[in-house]
Amino acid sequence: MRRLVFLVMAGAFLLSLSMPSPAVADGKATRFTASGVVAVAGVPRPSEIEGHGRRLEILTEGELVAGYLAQSTWGTLLGGVFSTLHKSEVAYLPNGKFRGELEGGFSVGLPGGILSGKMKGEVTGTFMWTDTNGNRAVDASEAASLFIQTIHDVGTWKATGGTGVFAGTKSEGTWTVDLTWGVFDFDGPGPMPPMPTLTGPISLKGVHQERSRDDD
């Protein structure tokens, strides 16, 4: 069931970015925290690669991360399907570590509405080059693939649109993600089987301002 909700929300997310919010009156600003589990759901082929040997810089566009929010002091977010679609520019270093920047859009989808906006941040982690047999290679010149071991992301986000229960809502804050290899499961019935991928906890902190309509 949650996979179906995610697919619906992913399509609505692109639409909601261009939808203006209705006229509203400011309400009380409230701090909140939220947490959940996310996983890398899609990584396209790099759109640009620079360098060679023991150091490479790779630009990738259309990276998809998806999951759900299991806890939130902002009750409206609780149980929401969280996703980001972003691009990244990352430098892979000789010491087996990488660092770079990412930016893109995010959405939190519920049956009652969608919160969407922009996000950006810094990404760090560890990796290794592997040969055709999956063994460690010395550097990119001898490697058949790049194996990401861990990912740590930190950044900021700001909502730019909302529908349904999120219409007229202002919110912004910070986020942190830590990913390692594991099995990702939406923890619910449906056709989506557990999937081996980079997965781990997400934490959100911020302020939200749910506003009442002028005509209320």
Protein backbone atom coordinates (compact mmCIF):
# COMPACT_ATOMS: atom_id res chain seq x y z
CA MET A 1 0.00 0.00 0.00
CA ARG A 2 2.74 2.47 0.83
CA ARG A 3 4.43 1.89 -2.49
CA LEU A 4 1.22 2.91 -4.22
CA VAL A 5 0.99 6.03 -2.07
CA PHE A 6 4.62 6.90 -2.91
CA LEU A 7 4.08 6.57 -6.64
CA VAL A 8 1.03 8.82 -6.48
CA MET A 9 2.83 11.37 -4.35
CA ALA A 10 5.89 11.40 -6.61
CA GLY A 11 3.75 12.49 -9.54
CA ALA A 12 1.84 15.04 -7.51
CA PHE A 13 5.11 16.44 -6.12
CA LEU A 14 6.15 17.82 -9.50
CA LEU A 15 2.74 19.44 -9.93
CA SER A 16 2.65 20.93 -6.46
CA LEU A 17 5.87 22.90 -7.02
CA SER A 18 4.05 25.09 -9.52
CA MET A 19 0.81 25.49 -7.57
CA PRO A 20 0.37 28.77 -5.63
CA SER A 21 -0.84 28.57 -2.06
CA PRO A 22 -4.20 30.16 -1.20
CA ALA A 23 -4.44 33.47 0.64
CA VAL A 24 -3.83 32.79 4.32
CA ALA A 25 -3.29 34.58 7.61
CA ASP A 26 -0.21 33.90 9.73
CA GLY A 27 -0.51 31.53 12.67
CA LYS A 28 1.83 30.59 15.49
CA ALA A 29 5.35 29.38 14.63
CA THR A 30 6.28 26.10 16.35
CA ARG A 31 9.56 24.23 16.55
CA PHE A 32 9.52 20.52 15.73
CA THR A 33 11.64 17.44 15.22
CA ALA A 34 10.93 14.41 13.04
CA SER A 35 12.71 11.18 12.18
CA GLY A 36 12.31 8.13 10.01
CA VAL A 37 14.04 5.78 7.61
CA VAL A 38 15.07 6.44 4.01
CA ALA A 39 16.95 4.58 1.29
CA VAL A 40 18.59 5.22 -2.04
CA ALA A 41 15.87 4.26 -4.53
CA GLY A 42 17.50 5.32 -7.78
CA VAL A 43 20.90 6.51 -9.03
CA PRO A 44 21.23 7.35 -12.74
CA ARG A 45 24.45 7.11 -14.68
CA PRO A 46 26.81 10.07 -14.07
CA SER A 47 26.20 13.00 -16.39
CA GLU A 48 29.79 14.24 -16.15
CA ILE A 49 33.12 12.76 -14.97
CA GLU A 50 36.35 14.70 -14.56
CA GLY A 51 39.81 13.50 -13.55
CA HIS A 52 41.44 10.08 -13.68
CA GLY A 53 43.45 7.61 -11.64
CA ARG A 54 43.14 8.11 -7.90
CA ARG A 55 40.88 11.19 -7.93
CA LEU A 56 37.61 11.76 -9.77
CA GLU A 57 34.87 14.37 -9.64
CA ILE A 58 31.44 13.06 -10.66
CA LEU A 59 28.28 15.05 -11.39
CA THR A 60 25.05 13.06 -11.13
CA GLU A 61 21.51 14.32 -11.72
CA GLY A 62 18.20 12.69 -10.83
CA GLU A 63 19.20 10.84 -7.66
CA LEU A 64 16.14 9.54 -5.79
CA VAL A 65 15.94 8.91 -2.03
CA ALA A 66 12.67 7.73 -0.49
CA GLY A 67 11.29 6.57 2.83
CA TYR A 68 8.86 7.50 5.56
CA LEU A 69 8.66 9.55 8.75
CA ALA A 70 7.92 7.33 11.75
CA GLN A 71 8.10 9.99 14.50
CA SER A 72 7.30 13.70 14.53
CA THR A 73 6.40 16.34 17.10
CA TRP A 74 4.62 18.10 14.21
CA GLY A 75 1.69 15.75 14.09
CA THR A 76 0.72 16.51 10.49
CA LEU A 77 4.00 15.02 9.22
CA LEU A 78 3.63 11.72 11.09
CA GLY A 79 3.60 8.75 8.74
CA GLY A 80 4.36 10.87 5.70
CA VAL A 81 6.14 9.41 2.67
CA PHE A 82 9.38 11.39 2.32
CA SER A 83 11.32 11.68 -0.94
CA THR A 84 14.01 13.81 -2.52
CA LEU A 85 15.06 14.16 -6.15
CA HIS A 86 18.42 15.90 -6.36
CA LYS A 87 21.72 16.30 -8.13
CA SER A 88 25.19 16.04 -6.62
CA GLU A 89 28.77 16.98 -7.45
CA VAL A 90 31.18 14.77 -5.54
CA ALA A 91 34.98 14.42 -5.40
CA TYR A 92 36.30 10.88 -4.79
CA LEU A 93 39.68 11.06 -3.05
CA PRO A 94 42.71 8.69 -2.91
CA ASN A 95 42.09 7.96 0.80
CA GLY A 96 38.78 6.21 0.08
CA LYS A 97 36.64 9.11 1.18
CA PHE A 98 34.39 11.42 -0.81
CA ARG A 99 32.89 14.85 -0.27
CA GLY A 100 30.65 17.14 -2.24
CA GLU A 101 27.44 19.10 -2.47
CA LEU A 102 23.87 18.28 -3.41
CA GLU A 103 20.68 20.22 -4.11
CA GLY A 104 17.19 19.52 -5.36
CA GLY A 105 13.60 19.16 -4.27
CA PHE A 106 11.79 17.24 -1.55
CA SER A 107 8.24 16.21 -0.74
CA VAL A 108 6.35 14.76 2.19
CA GLY A 109 3.18 13.07 1.00
CA LEU A 110 0.09 12.04 2.92
CA PRO A 111 -3.39 11.11 1.72
CA GLY A 112 -4.52 14.52 2.98
CA GLY A 113 -1.91 16.64 1.21
CA ILE A 114 1.65 17.21 0.07
CA LEU A 115 4.38 19.47 1.45
CA SER A 116 7.12 20.25 -1.09
CA GLY A 117 10.14 22.48 -1.34
CA LYS A 118 13.86 22.84 -1.92
CA MET A 119 16.82 21.28 -0.16
CA LYS A 120 20.60 21.54 -0.34
CA GLY A 121 23.50 20.22 1.66
CA GLU A 122 26.90 18.61 1.97
CA VAL A 123 27.63 14.94 1.40
CA THR A 124 30.56 12.90 2.74
CA GLY A 125 31.27 9.21 3.00
CA THR A 126 33.50 6.27 2.17
CA PHE A 127 33.93 4.18 -0.98
CA MET A 128 36.18 1.74 -2.78
CA TRP A 129 37.01 0.92 -6.38
CA THR A 130 36.22 -2.66 -7.41
CA ASP A 131 37.24 -4.85 -10.36
CA THR A 132 35.00 -7.09 -12.46
CA ASN A 133 35.08 -9.77 -9.74
CA GLY A 134 34.03 -7.34 -6.99
CA ASN A 135 37.51 -7.22 -5.46
CA ARG A 136 39.17 -3.98 -4.38
CA ALA A 137 41.02 -2.17 -7.17
CA VAL A 138 43.94 0.22 -6.67
CA ASP A 139 42.28 3.18 -8.37
CA ALA A 140 39.78 4.20 -11.03
CA SER A 141 42.11 3.26 -13.88
CA GLU A 142 41.94 -0.41 -12.83
CA ALA A 143 38.34 -0.42 -11.62
CA ALA A 144 35.14 -1.67 -13.21
CA SER A 145 32.84 0.05 -10.72
CA LEU A 146 32.61 2.41 -7.78
CA PHE A 147 31.22 0.90 -4.55
CA ILE A 148 29.77 3.38 -2.05
CA GLN A 149 30.12 2.09 1.53
CA THR A 150 28.66 4.86 3.70
CA ILE A 151 26.97 8.24 3.17
CA HIS A 152 26.52 11.15 5.59
CA ASP A 153 24.42 14.13 4.45
CA VAL A 154 23.65 17.36 6.30
CA GLY A 155 21.82 20.38 4.97
CA THR A 156 18.90 22.76 4.99
CA TRP A 157 15.39 22.64 3.54
CA LYS A 158 12.59 25.12 2.97
CA ALA A 159 9.01 24.44 1.94
CA THR A 160 7.84 26.32 -1.16
CA GLY A 161 4.38 24.83 -1.62
CA GLY A 162 1.67 22.76 -0.03
CA THR A 163 -1.66 21.16 -0.85
CA GLY A 164 -4.51 19.87 1.32
CA VAL A 165 -3.55 19.87 5.00
CA PHE A 166 -0.30 21.65 4.08
CA ALA A 167 -1.90 24.48 2.07
CA GLY A 168 -0.46 27.80 3.20
CA THR A 169 2.01 26.19 5.61
CA LYS A 170 5.42 27.82 6.10
CA SER A 171 8.25 25.58 7.26
CA GLU A 172 12.02 25.32 7.08
CA GLY A 173 14.90 23.73 8.93
CA THR A 174 17.82 21.32 8.80
CA TRP A 175 18.19 17.63 7.96
CA THR A 176 20.70 14.83 8.57
CA VAL A 177 20.94 11.43 6.89
CA ASP A 178 23.28 8.50 7.60
CA LEU A 179 23.26 5.58 5.18
CA THR A 180 24.95 2.18 5.21
CA TRP A 181 24.24 -1.04 3.33
CA GLY A 182 21.19 -2.91 4.52
CA VAL A 183 17.73 -4.07 3.50
CA PHE A 184 15.07 -1.40 3.06
CA ASP A 185 11.42 -2.21 3.70
CA PHE A 186 8.44 0.15 3.87
CA ASP A 187 7.23 -1.97 6.83
CA GLY A 188 3.79 -2.53 5.42
CA PRO A 189 1.82 -4.83 3.10
CA GLY A 190 2.11 -4.42 -0.65
CA PRO A 191 3.99 -5.55 -3.73
CA MET A 192 7.33 -3.90 -2.90
CA PRO A 193 9.78 -6.52 -1.52
CA PRO A 194 12.64 -5.66 0.85
CA MET A 195 15.47 -4.18 -1.21
CA PRO A 196 19.25 -4.28 -0.51
CA THR A 197 20.49 -0.72 -0.79
CA LEU A 198 22.05 2.14 1.14
CA THR A 199 19.58 2.89 3.92
CA GLY A 200 19.43 4.51 7.34
CA PRO A 201 17.90 7.15 9.60
CA ILE A 202 16.82 10.66 8.63
CA SER A 203 16.36 13.46 11.16
CA LEU A 204 14.56 16.74 10.54
CA LYS A 205 14.55 19.83 12.73
CA GLY A 206 12.79 23.08 12.01
CA VAL A 207 9.97 25.52 12.46
CA HIS A 208 6.49 25.24 10.98
CA GLN A 209 3.78 27.86 10.79
CA GLU A 210 0.39 26.41 9.96
CA ARG A 211 -1.86 29.25 8.88
CA SER A 212 -5.60 29.65 8.82
CA ARG A 213 -7.45 30.78 5.70
CA ASP A 214 -8.62 34.38 5.46
CA ASP A 215 -12.16 33.22 4.95
CA ASP A 216 -12.23 30.94 8.02
